[in-house]
Structure formats: C-alpha cells, structure tokens
Amino acid sequence: MLRDDVFKQQARVLKALANESRLRIVDRLSRGEASVGQLTEVVGSDISTVSKHLSVLRAHGIVDDRRDGNIVYYRLLTPCVCNFFTCATQVLKERR
C-alpha cells in the first residue's frame, strides 16, 4: 500500500513538469534564480500565466521564491529535476 502512495505522489510531480512552459522555467532556473519578469521573457507569456505555472511548481516542491522589495525571485529547489531533461533526450534519441 505504501508503495502505491509513492507512485501517486511521483505522478503528481511528473504532471507538474509535463508542460512546455514549466519545463522552460525549470531549464532557466537551473542556471540561477530569476524574477517573474525574466521568466515571462523566457516563456513568452504574460505575468499572470507565468505566475500560475510558478504556483504549480512551488506547490510540488520544485521551486521556491524570495522577495526583494517589490520583486519576487524564484530558484530551483530541487535541481535533480533537471535529470528528467537528460532522460527525456535519451528516450528521444532511442526512438530514432
């Protein structure tokens, strides 16, 4: 039974990452913290959309934030999620 709970929790994390915009955010944050404005440029969406994506990532423990005056900066809380990029790229190479 306990193993089933772990699978469900892992599926939720993977679902949080299963979005192109959120992957772009994670990729950018893998190189250091960034403000919402900077992430908006990376994603190419408006601030409210990027904020929603960040909320999903934060809720799943993938990113964290800090406030400096009026600016909120985000950082990757669990850099190991970048391993998914390597794995996904390998899967794509194997399919060719």
PDB file of N, CA and C in Angstrom:
ATOM      1  N   MET A   1       0.819  -1.206   0.000  1.00  0.00           N
ATOM      2  CA  MET A   1       0.000   0.000   0.000  1.00  0.00           C
ATOM      3  C   MET A   1       0.854   1.257   0.000  1.00  0.00           C
ATOM      4  N   LEU A   2       1.895   1.289   0.819  1.00  0.00           N
ATOM      5  CA  LEU A   2       2.746   2.469   0.911  1.00  0.00           C
ATOM      6  C   LEU A   2       3.384   2.769  -0.437  1.00  0.00           C
ATOM      7  N   ARG A   3       3.776   1.753  -1.162  1.00  0.00           N
ATOM      8  CA  ARG A   3       4.398   1.934  -2.475  1.00  0.00           C
ATOM      9  C   ARG A   3       3.435   2.618  -3.435  1.00  0.00           C
ATOM     10  N   ASP A   4       2.133   2.280  -3.357  1.00  0.00           N
ATOM     11  CA  ASP A   4       1.134   2.913  -4.218  1.00  0.00           C
ATOM     12  C   ASP A   4       1.060   4.412  -3.962  1.00  0.00           C
ATOM     13  N   ASP A   5       1.181   4.822  -2.703  1.00  0.00           N
ATOM     14  CA  ASP A   5       1.168   6.244  -2.367  1.00  0.00           C
ATOM     15  C   ASP A   5       2.364   6.964  -2.976  1.00  0.00           C
ATOM     16  N   VAL A   6       3.502   6.313  -2.954  1.00  0.00           N
ATOM     17  CA  VAL A   6       4.703   6.916  -3.543  1.00  0.00           C
ATOM     18  C   VAL A   6       4.507   7.102  -5.040  1.00  0.00           C
ATOM     19  N   PHE A   7       3.945   6.107  -5.707  1.00  0.00           N
ATOM     20  CA  PHE A   7       3.693   6.224  -7.148  1.00  0.00           C
ATOM     21  C   PHE A   7       2.739   7.380  -7.438  1.00  0.00           C
ATOM     22  N   LYS A   8       1.705   7.530  -6.632  1.00  0.00           N
ATOM     23  CA  LYS A   8       0.761   8.627  -6.826  1.00  0.00           C
ATOM     24  C   LYS A   8       1.443   9.972  -6.643  1.00  0.00           C
ATOM     25  N   GLN A   9       2.276  10.087  -5.637  1.00  0.00           N
ATOM     26  CA  GLN A   9       2.985  11.333  -5.381  1.00  0.00           C
ATOM     27  C   GLN A   9       3.979  11.625  -6.504  1.00  0.00           C
ATOM     28  N   GLN A  10       4.669  10.606  -6.980  1.00  0.00           N
ATOM     29  CA  GLN A  10       5.607  10.791  -8.087  1.00  0.00           C
ATOM     30  C   GLN A  10       4.861  11.219  -9.351  1.00  0.00           C
ATOM     31  N   ALA A  11       3.694  10.642  -9.579  1.00  0.00           N
ATOM     32  CA  ALA A  11       2.900  11.008 -10.757  1.00  0.00           C
ATOM     33  C   ALA A  11       2.493  12.478 -10.691  1.00  0.00           C
ATOM     34  N   ARG A  12       2.189  12.976  -9.516  1.00  0.00           N
ATOM     35  CA  ARG A  12       1.829  14.396  -9.365  1.00  0.00           C
ATOM     36  C   ARG A  12       3.009  15.307  -9.705  1.00  0.00           C
ATOM     37  N   VAL A  13       4.197  14.915  -9.266  1.00  0.00           N
ATOM     38  CA  VAL A  13       5.390  15.712  -9.592  1.00  0.00           C
ATOM     39  C   VAL A  13       5.622  15.698 -11.094  1.00  0.00           C
ATOM     40  N   LEU A  14       5.535  14.534 -11.700  1.00  0.00           N
ATOM     41  CA  LEU A  14       5.735  14.437 -13.147  1.00  0.00           C
ATOM     42  C   LEU A  14       4.679  15.235 -13.907  1.00  0.00           C
ATOM     43  N   LYS A  15       3.446  15.226 -13.413  1.00  0.00           N
ATOM     44  CA  LYS A  15       2.385  16.003 -14.050  1.00  0.00           C
ATOM     45  C   LYS A  15       2.692  17.495 -13.958  1.00  0.00           C
ATOM     46  N   ALA A  16       3.248  17.925 -12.837  1.00  0.00           N
ATOM     47  CA  ALA A  16       3.623  19.336 -12.682  1.00  0.00           C
ATOM     48  C   ALA A  16       4.697  19.726 -13.690  1.00  0.00           C
ATOM     49  N   LEU A  17       5.550  18.811 -14.060  1.00  0.00           N
ATOM     50  CA  LEU A  17       6.615  19.084 -15.018  1.00  0.00           C
ATOM     51  C   LEU A  17       6.166  18.895 -16.471  1.00  0.00           C
ATOM     52  N   ALA A  18       5.031  18.252 -16.671  1.00  0.00           N
ATOM     53  CA  ALA A  18       4.576  17.881 -18.013  1.00  0.00           C
ATOM     54  C   ALA A  18       3.900  19.047 -18.731  1.00  0.00           C
ATOM     55  N   ASN A  19       4.635  20.131 -18.865  1.00  0.00           N
ATOM     56  CA  ASN A  19       4.141  21.316 -19.541  1.00  0.00           C
ATOM     57  C   ASN A  19       5.343  22.049 -20.134  1.00  0.00           C
ATOM     58  N   GLU A  20       5.265  22.413 -21.398  1.00  0.00           N
ATOM     59  CA  GLU A  20       6.410  23.029 -22.063  1.00  0.00           C
ATOM     60  C   GLU A  20       6.859  24.321 -21.375  1.00  0.00           C
ATOM     61  N   SER A  21       5.918  25.146 -20.964  1.00  0.00           N
ATOM     62  CA  SER A  21       6.285  26.402 -20.298  1.00  0.00           C
ATOM     63  C   SER A  21       6.970  26.143 -18.959  1.00  0.00           C
ATOM     64  N   ARG A  22       6.461  25.177 -18.215  1.00  0.00           N
ATOM     65  CA  ARG A  22       7.088  24.867 -16.922  1.00  0.00           C
ATOM     66  C   ARG A  22       8.469  24.266 -17.118  1.00  0.00           C
ATOM     67  N   LEU A  23       8.656  23.487 -18.181  1.00  0.00           N
ATOM     68  CA  LEU A  23       9.989  22.958 -18.474  1.00  0.00           C
ATOM     69  C   LEU A  23      10.947  24.083 -18.841  1.00  0.00           C
ATOM     70  N   ARG A  24      10.462  25.071 -19.563  1.00  0.00           N
ATOM     71  CA  ARG A  24      11.298  26.230 -19.892  1.00  0.00           C
ATOM     72  C   ARG A  24      11.710  26.975 -18.622  1.00  0.00           C
ATOM     73  N   ILE A  25      10.765  27.103 -17.694  1.00  0.00           N
ATOM     74  CA  ILE A  25      11.056  27.768 -16.416  1.00  0.00           C
ATOM     75  C   ILE A  25      12.107  26.984 -15.647  1.00  0.00           C
ATOM     76  N   VAL A  26      11.931  25.682 -15.550  1.00  0.00           N
ATOM     77  CA  VAL A  26      12.887  24.839 -14.824  1.00  0.00           C
ATOM     78  C   VAL A  26      14.263  24.932 -15.485  1.00  0.00           C
ATOM     79  N   ASP A  27      14.284  24.870 -16.803  1.00  0.00           N
ATOM     80  CA  ASP A  27      15.560  24.968 -17.520  1.00  0.00           C
ATOM     81  C   ASP A  27      16.244  26.296 -17.200  1.00  0.00           C
ATOM     82  N   ARG A  28      15.508  27.383 -17.240  1.00  0.00           N
ATOM     83  CA  ARG A  28      16.105  28.693 -16.947  1.00  0.00           C
ATOM     84  C   ARG A  28      16.600  28.765 -15.512  1.00  0.00           C
ATOM     85  N   LEU A  29      15.792  28.246 -14.570  1.00  0.00           N
ATOM     86  CA  LEU A  29      16.176  28.302 -13.162  1.00  0.00           C
ATOM     87  C   LEU A  29      17.343  27.372 -12.841  1.00  0.00           C
ATOM     88  N   SER A  30      17.619  26.419 -13.712  1.00  0.00           N
ATOM     89  CA  SER A  30      18.775  25.539 -13.495  1.00  0.00           C
ATOM     90  C   SER A  30      20.078  26.322 -13.594  1.00  0.00           C
ATOM     91  N   ARG A  31      20.002  27.513 -14.196  1.00  0.00           N
ATOM     92  CA  ARG A  31      21.188  28.361 -14.340  1.00  0.00           C
ATOM     93  C   ARG A  31      21.220  29.493 -13.318  1.00  0.00           C
ATOM     94  N   GLY A  32      20.287  29.501 -12.369  1.00  0.00           N
ATOM     95  CA  GLY A  32      20.281  30.522 -11.325  1.00  0.00           C
ATOM     96  C   GLY A  32      18.910  31.152 -11.172  1.00  0.00           C
ATOM     97  N   GLU A  33      18.749  31.868 -10.076  1.00  0.00           N
ATOM     98  CA  GLU A  33      17.441  32.452  -9.796  1.00  0.00           C
ATOM     99  C   GLU A  33      17.064  33.508 -10.830  1.00  0.00           C
ATOM    100  N   ALA A  34      15.756  33.745 -10.918  1.00  0.00           N
ATOM    101  CA  ALA A  34      15.237  34.712 -11.888  1.00  0.00           C
ATOM    102  C   ALA A  34      13.947  35.311 -11.358  1.00  0.00           C
ATOM    103  N   SER A  35      13.676  36.526 -11.785  1.00  0.00           N
ATOM    104  CA  SER A  35      12.433  37.195 -11.400  1.00  0.00           C
ATOM    105  C   SER A  35      11.296  36.737 -12.311  1.00  0.00           C
ATOM    106  N   VAL A  36      10.074  37.035 -11.892  1.00  0.00           N
ATOM    107  CA  VAL A  36       8.919  36.697 -12.717  1.00  0.00           C
ATOM    108  C   VAL A  36       9.037  37.389 -14.079  1.00  0.00           C
ATOM    109  N   GLY A  37       9.492  38.629 -14.084  1.00  0.00           N
ATOM    110  CA  GLY A  37       9.666  39.350 -15.345  1.00  0.00           C
ATOM    111  C   GLY A  37      10.632  38.651 -16.280  1.00  0.00           C
ATOM    112  N   GLN A  38      11.732  38.174 -15.738  1.00  0.00           N
ATOM    113  CA  GLN A  38      12.712  37.453 -16.562  1.00  0.00           C
ATOM    114  C   GLN A  38      12.127  36.149 -17.084  1.00  0.00           C
ATOM    115  N   LEU A  39      11.367  35.468 -16.245  1.00  0.00           N
ATOM    116  CA  LEU A  39      10.767  34.196 -16.654  1.00  0.00           C
ATOM    117  C   LEU A  39       9.671  34.418 -17.689  1.00  0.00           C
ATOM    118  N   THR A  40       9.000  35.562 -17.619  1.00  0.00           N
ATOM    119  CA  THR A  40       7.987  35.905 -18.615  1.00  0.00           C
ATOM    120  C   THR A  40       8.618  36.000 -19.995  1.00  0.00           C
ATOM    121  N   GLU A  41       9.803  36.575 -20.061  1.00  0.00           N
ATOM    122  CA  GLU A  41      10.519  36.675 -21.341  1.00  0.00           C
ATOM    123  C   GLU A  41      10.905  35.295 -21.866  1.00  0.00           C
ATOM    124  N   VAL A  42      11.324  34.411 -20.969  1.00  0.00           N
ATOM    125  CA  VAL A  42      11.735  33.062 -21.357  1.00  0.00           C
ATOM    126  C   VAL A  42      10.549  32.267 -21.900  1.00  0.00           C
ATOM    127  N   VAL A  43       9.425  32.362 -21.201  1.00  0.00           N
ATOM    128  CA  VAL A  43       8.248  31.572 -21.565  1.00  0.00           C
ATOM    129  C   VAL A  43       7.495  32.202 -22.732  1.00  0.00           C
ATOM    130  N   GLY A  44       7.488  33.531 -22.781  1.00  0.00           N
ATOM    131  CA  GLY A  44       6.748  34.207 -23.839  1.00  0.00           C
ATOM    132  C   GLY A  44       5.272  34.347 -23.537  1.00  0.00           C
ATOM    133  N   SER A  45       4.918  34.360 -22.265  1.00  0.00           N
ATOM    134  CA  SER A  45       3.530  34.532 -21.837  1.00  0.00           C
ATOM    135  C   SER A  45       3.440  35.735 -20.908  1.00  0.00           C
ATOM    136  N   ASP A  46       2.220  36.096 -20.552  1.00  0.00           N
ATOM    137  CA  ASP A  46       2.043  37.233 -19.658  1.00  0.00           C
ATOM    138  C   ASP A  46       2.361  36.840 -18.212  1.00  0.00           C
ATOM    139  N   ILE A  47       2.497  37.823 -17.374  1.00  0.00           N
ATOM    140  CA  ILE A  47       2.914  37.601 -15.984  1.00  0.00           C
ATOM    141  C   ILE A  47       1.944  36.703 -15.238  1.00  0.00           C
ATOM    142  N   SER A  48       0.646  36.870 -15.448  1.00  0.00           N
ATOM    143  CA  SER A  48      -0.318  36.050 -14.700  1.00  0.00           C
ATOM    144  C   SER A  48      -0.201  34.573 -15.082  1.00  0.00           C
ATOM    145  N   THR A  49       0.046  34.293 -16.358  1.00  0.00           N
ATOM    146  CA  THR A  49       0.207  32.899 -16.798  1.00  0.00           C
ATOM    147  C   THR A  49       1.476  32.292 -16.207  1.00  0.00           C
ATOM    148  N   VAL A  50       2.567  33.038 -16.251  1.00  0.00           N
ATOM    149  CA  VAL A  50       3.829  32.548 -15.688  1.00  0.00           C
ATOM    150  C   VAL A  50       3.684  32.350 -14.179  1.00  0.00           C
ATOM    151  N   SER A  51       2.985  33.252 -13.526  1.00  0.00           N
ATOM    152  CA  SER A  51       2.766  33.118 -12.078  1.00  0.00           C
ATOM    153  C   SER A  51       1.986  31.851 -11.748  1.00  0.00           C
ATOM    154  N   LYS A  52       1.024  31.502 -12.589  1.00  0.00           N
ATOM    155  CA  LYS A  52       0.267  30.261 -12.383  1.00  0.00           C
ATOM    156  C   LYS A  52       1.180  29.043 -12.535  1.00  0.00           C
ATOM    157  N   HIS A  53       2.037  29.075 -13.540  1.00  0.00           N
ATOM    158  CA  HIS A  53       2.986  27.974 -13.721  1.00  0.00           C
ATOM    159  C   HIS A  53       3.918  27.869 -12.514  1.00  0.00           C
ATOM    160  N   LEU A  54       4.387  28.994 -12.034  1.00  0.00           N
ATOM    161  CA  LEU A  54       5.268  29.000 -10.868  1.00  0.00           C
ATOM    162  C   LEU A  54       4.549  28.483  -9.634  1.00  0.00           C
ATOM    163  N   SER A  55       3.283  28.786  -9.509  1.00  0.00           N
ATOM    164  CA  SER A  55       2.487  28.301  -8.385  1.00  0.00           C
ATOM    165  C   SER A  55       2.406  26.776  -8.388  1.00  0.00           C
ATOM    166  N   VAL A  56       2.231  26.204  -9.572  1.00  0.00           N
ATOM    167  CA  VAL A  56       2.197  24.737  -9.692  1.00  0.00           C
ATOM    168  C   VAL A  56       3.545  24.152  -9.291  1.00  0.00           C
ATOM    169  N   LEU A  57       4.609  24.730  -9.793  1.00  0.00           N
ATOM    170  CA  LEU A  57       5.951  24.231  -9.475  1.00  0.00           C
ATOM    171  C   LEU A  57       6.266  24.389  -7.988  1.00  0.00           C
ATOM    172  N   ARG A  58       5.835  25.474  -7.400  1.00  0.00           N
ATOM    173  CA  ARG A  58       6.072  25.707  -5.969  1.00  0.00           C
ATOM    174  C   ARG A  58       5.266  24.720  -5.127  1.00  0.00           C
ATOM    175  N   ALA A  59       4.026  24.475  -5.509  1.00  0.00           N
ATOM    176  CA  ALA A  59       3.159  23.550  -4.766  1.00  0.00           C
ATOM    177  C   ALA A  59       3.719  22.138  -4.731  1.00  0.00           C
ATOM    178  N   HIS A  60       4.525  21.797  -5.726  1.00  0.00           N
ATOM    179  CA  HIS A  60       5.096  20.448  -5.794  1.00  0.00           C
ATOM    180  C   HIS A  60       6.544  20.396  -5.323  1.00  0.00           C
ATOM    181  N   GLY A  61       7.017  21.492  -4.724  1.00  0.00           N
ATOM    182  CA  GLY A  61       8.354  21.494  -4.131  1.00  0.00           C
ATOM    183  C   GLY A  61       9.483  21.578  -5.147  1.00  0.00           C
ATOM    184  N   ILE A  62       9.187  22.071  -6.333  1.00  0.00           N
ATOM    185  CA  ILE A  62      10.205  22.130  -7.380  1.00  0.00           C
ATOM    186  C   ILE A  62      10.936  23.469  -7.358  1.00  0.00           C
ATOM    187  N   VAL A  63      10.206  24.542  -7.076  1.00  0.00           N
ATOM    188  CA  VAL A  63      10.816  25.868  -6.972  1.00  0.00           C
ATOM    189  C   VAL A  63      10.460  26.507  -5.630  1.00  0.00           C
ATOM    190  N   ASP A  64      11.221  27.528  -5.304  1.00  0.00           N
ATOM    191  CA  ASP A  64      10.980  28.325  -4.101  1.00  0.00           C
ATOM    192  C   ASP A  64      11.147  29.784  -4.505  1.00  0.00           C
ATOM    193  N   ASP A  65      10.644  30.675  -3.671  1.00  0.00           N
ATOM    194  CA  ASP A  65      10.759  32.089  -4.006  1.00  0.00           C
ATOM    195  C   ASP A  65      11.259  32.898  -2.824  1.00  0.00           C
ATOM    196  N   ARG A  66      11.729  34.099  -3.148  1.00  0.00           N
ATOM    197  CA  ARG A  66      12.114  35.070  -2.125  1.00  0.00           C
ATOM    198  C   ARG A  66      11.763  36.443  -2.654  1.00  0.00           C
ATOM    199  N   ARG A  67      11.395  37.303  -1.752  1.00  0.00           N
ATOM    200  CA  ARG A  67      11.008  38.662  -2.128  1.00  0.00           C
ATOM    201  C   ARG A  67      12.132  39.620  -1.791  1.00  0.00           C
ATOM    202  N   ASP A  68      12.408  40.522  -2.727  1.00  0.00           N
ATOM    203  CA  ASP A  68      13.382  41.593  -2.514  1.00  0.00           C
ATOM    204  C   ASP A  68      12.671  42.884  -2.914  1.00  0.00           C
ATOM    205  N   GLY A  69      12.073  43.549  -1.936  1.00  0.00           N
ATOM    206  CA  GLY A  69      11.251  44.722  -2.228  1.00  0.00           C
ATOM    207  C   GLY A  69      10.008  44.290  -2.964  1.00  0.00           C
ATOM    208  N   ASN A  70       9.789  44.857  -4.139  1.00  0.00           N
ATOM    209  CA  ASN A  70       8.614  44.514  -4.950  1.00  0.00           C
ATOM    210  C   ASN A  70       8.869  43.367  -5.912  1.00  0.00           C
ATOM    211  N   ILE A  71      10.088  42.898  -5.970  1.00  0.00           N
ATOM    212  CA  ILE A  71      10.445  41.856  -6.937  1.00  0.00           C
ATOM    213  C   ILE A  71      10.514  40.499  -6.246  1.00  0.00           C
ATOM    214  N   VAL A  72       9.891  39.503  -6.868  1.00  0.00           N
ATOM    215  CA  VAL A  72       9.941  38.129  -6.368  1.00  0.00           C
ATOM    216  C   VAL A  72      10.892  37.353  -7.263  1.00  0.00           C
ATOM    217  N   TYR A  73      11.860  36.706  -6.631  1.00  0.00           N
ATOM    218  CA  TYR A  73      12.835  35.885  -7.350  1.00  0.00           C
ATOM    219  C   TYR A  73      12.541  34.414  -7.082  1.00  0.00           C
ATOM    220  N   TYR A  74      12.704  33.609  -8.108  1.00  0.00           N
ATOM    221  CA  TYR A  74      12.481  32.167  -7.999  1.00  0.00           C
ATOM    222  C   TYR A  74      13.793  31.435  -8.199  1.00  0.00           C
ATOM    223  N   ARG A  75      13.889  30.302  -7.527  1.00  0.00           N
ATOM    224  CA  ARG A  75      15.059  29.453  -7.672  1.00  0.00           C
ATOM    225  C   ARG A  75      14.599  28.007  -7.696  1.00  0.00           C
ATOM    226  N   LEU A  76      15.409  27.180  -8.278  1.00  0.00           N
ATOM    227  CA  LEU A  76      15.129  25.753  -8.339  1.00  0.00           C
ATOM    228  C   LEU A  76      15.428  25.150  -6.973  1.00  0.00           C
ATOM    229  N   LEU A  77      14.423  24.583  -6.350  1.00  0.00           N
ATOM    230  CA  LEU A  77      14.579  23.999  -5.023  1.00  0.00           C
ATOM    231  C   LEU A  77      15.150  22.586  -5.110  1.00  0.00           C
ATOM    232  N   THR A  78      14.803  21.885  -6.151  1.00  0.00           N
ATOM    233  CA  THR A  78      15.255  20.505  -6.341  1.00  0.00           C
ATOM    234  C   THR A  78      15.899  20.358  -7.726  1.00  0.00           C
ATOM    235  N   PRO A  79      17.187  20.705  -7.823  1.00  0.00           N
ATOM    236  CA  PRO A  79      17.868  20.659  -9.125  1.00  0.00           C
ATOM    237  C   PRO A  79      17.875  19.281  -9.784  1.00  0.00           C
ATOM    238  N   CYS A  80      17.613  18.248  -9.024  1.00  0.00           N
ATOM    239  CA  CYS A  80      17.625  16.906  -9.610  1.00  0.00           C
ATOM    240  C   CYS A  80      16.552  16.746 -10.687  1.00  0.00           C
ATOM    241  N   VAL A  81      15.536  17.633 -10.713  1.00  0.00           N
ATOM    242  CA  VAL A  81      14.528  17.515 -11.764  1.00  0.00           C
ATOM    243  C   VAL A  81      15.145  17.712 -13.144  1.00  0.00           C
ATOM    244  N   CYS A  82      16.291  18.352 -13.210  1.00  0.00           N
ATOM    245  CA  CYS A  82      16.977  18.534 -14.496  1.00  0.00           C
ATOM    246  C   CYS A  82      17.412  17.196 -15.078  1.00  0.00           C
ATOM    247  N   ASN A  83      17.514  16.174 -14.245  1.00  0.00           N
ATOM    248  CA  ASN A  83      17.841  14.835 -14.746  1.00  0.00           C
ATOM    249  C   ASN A  83      16.766  14.339 -15.706  1.00  0.00           C
ATOM    250  N   PHE A  84      15.546  14.841 -15.549  1.00  0.00           N
ATOM    251  CA  PHE A  84      14.474  14.447 -16.458  1.00  0.00           C
ATOM    252  C   PHE A  84      14.775  14.901 -17.881  1.00  0.00           C
ATOM    253  N   PHE A  85      15.429  16.055 -18.032  1.00  0.00           N
ATOM    254  CA  PHE A  85      15.787  16.534 -19.359  1.00  0.00           C
ATOM    255  C   PHE A  85      16.730  15.545 -20.037  1.00  0.00           C
ATOM    256  N   THR A  86      17.721  15.103 -19.293  1.00  0.00           N
ATOM    257  CA  THR A  86      18.689  14.151 -19.828  1.00  0.00           C
ATOM    258  C   THR A  86      17.996  12.848 -20.207  1.00  0.00           C
ATOM    259  N   CYS A  87      17.139  12.377 -19.334  1.00  0.00           N
ATOM    260  CA  CYS A  87      16.433  11.125 -19.585  1.00  0.00           C
ATOM    261  C   CYS A  87      15.496  11.260 -20.785  1.00  0.00           C
ATOM    262  N   ALA A  88      14.735  12.358 -20.842  1.00  0.00           N
ATOM    263  CA  ALA A  88      13.800  12.551 -21.960  1.00  0.00           C
ATOM    264  C   ALA A  88      14.552  12.645 -23.285  1.00  0.00           C
ATOM    265  N   THR A  89      15.700  13.313 -23.291  1.00  0.00           N
ATOM    266  CA  THR A  89      16.513  13.412 -24.502  1.00  0.00           C
ATOM    267  C   THR A  89      17.003  12.041 -24.930  1.00  0.00           C
ATOM    268  N   GLN A  90      17.391  11.225 -23.968  1.00  0.00           N
ATOM    269  CA  GLN A  90      17.848   9.870 -24.285  1.00  0.00           C
ATOM    270  C   GLN A  90      16.718   9.041 -24.884  1.00  0.00           C
ATOM    271  N   VAL A  91      15.526   9.175 -24.338  1.00  0.00           N
ATOM    272  CA  VAL A  91      14.364   8.451 -24.887  1.00  0.00           C
ATOM    273  C   VAL A  91      14.134   8.874 -26.331  1.00  0.00           C
ATOM    274  N   LEU A  92      14.204  10.171 -26.594  1.00  0.00           N
ATOM    275  CA  LEU A  92      14.008  10.664 -27.961  1.00  0.00           C
ATOM    276  C   LEU A  92      15.074  10.120 -28.918  1.00  0.00           C
ATOM    277  N   LYS A  93      16.321  10.050 -28.458  1.00  0.00           N
ATOM    278  CA  LYS A  93      17.395   9.501 -29.300  1.00  0.00           C
ATOM    279  C   LYS A  93      17.156   8.035 -29.606  1.00  0.00           C
ATOM    280  N   GLU A  94      16.678   7.279 -28.633  1.00  0.00           N
ATOM    281  CA  GLU A  94      16.436   5.847 -28.812  1.00  0.00           C
ATOM    282  C   GLU A  94      15.290   5.575 -29.791  1.00  0.00           C
ATOM    283  N   ARG A  95      14.380   6.507 -29.901  1.00  0.00           N
ATOM    284  CA  ARG A  95      13.219   6.333 -30.782  1.00  0.00           C
ATOM    285  C   ARG A  95      13.559   6.527 -32.240  1.00  0.00           C
ATOM    286  N   ARG A  96      14.695   7.139 -32.546  1.00  0.00           N
ATOM    287  CA  ARG A  96      15.078   7.431 -33.942  1.00  0.00           C
ATOM    288  C   ARG A  96      15.498   6.201 -34.661  1.00  0.00           C
TER     289      ARG A  96
END
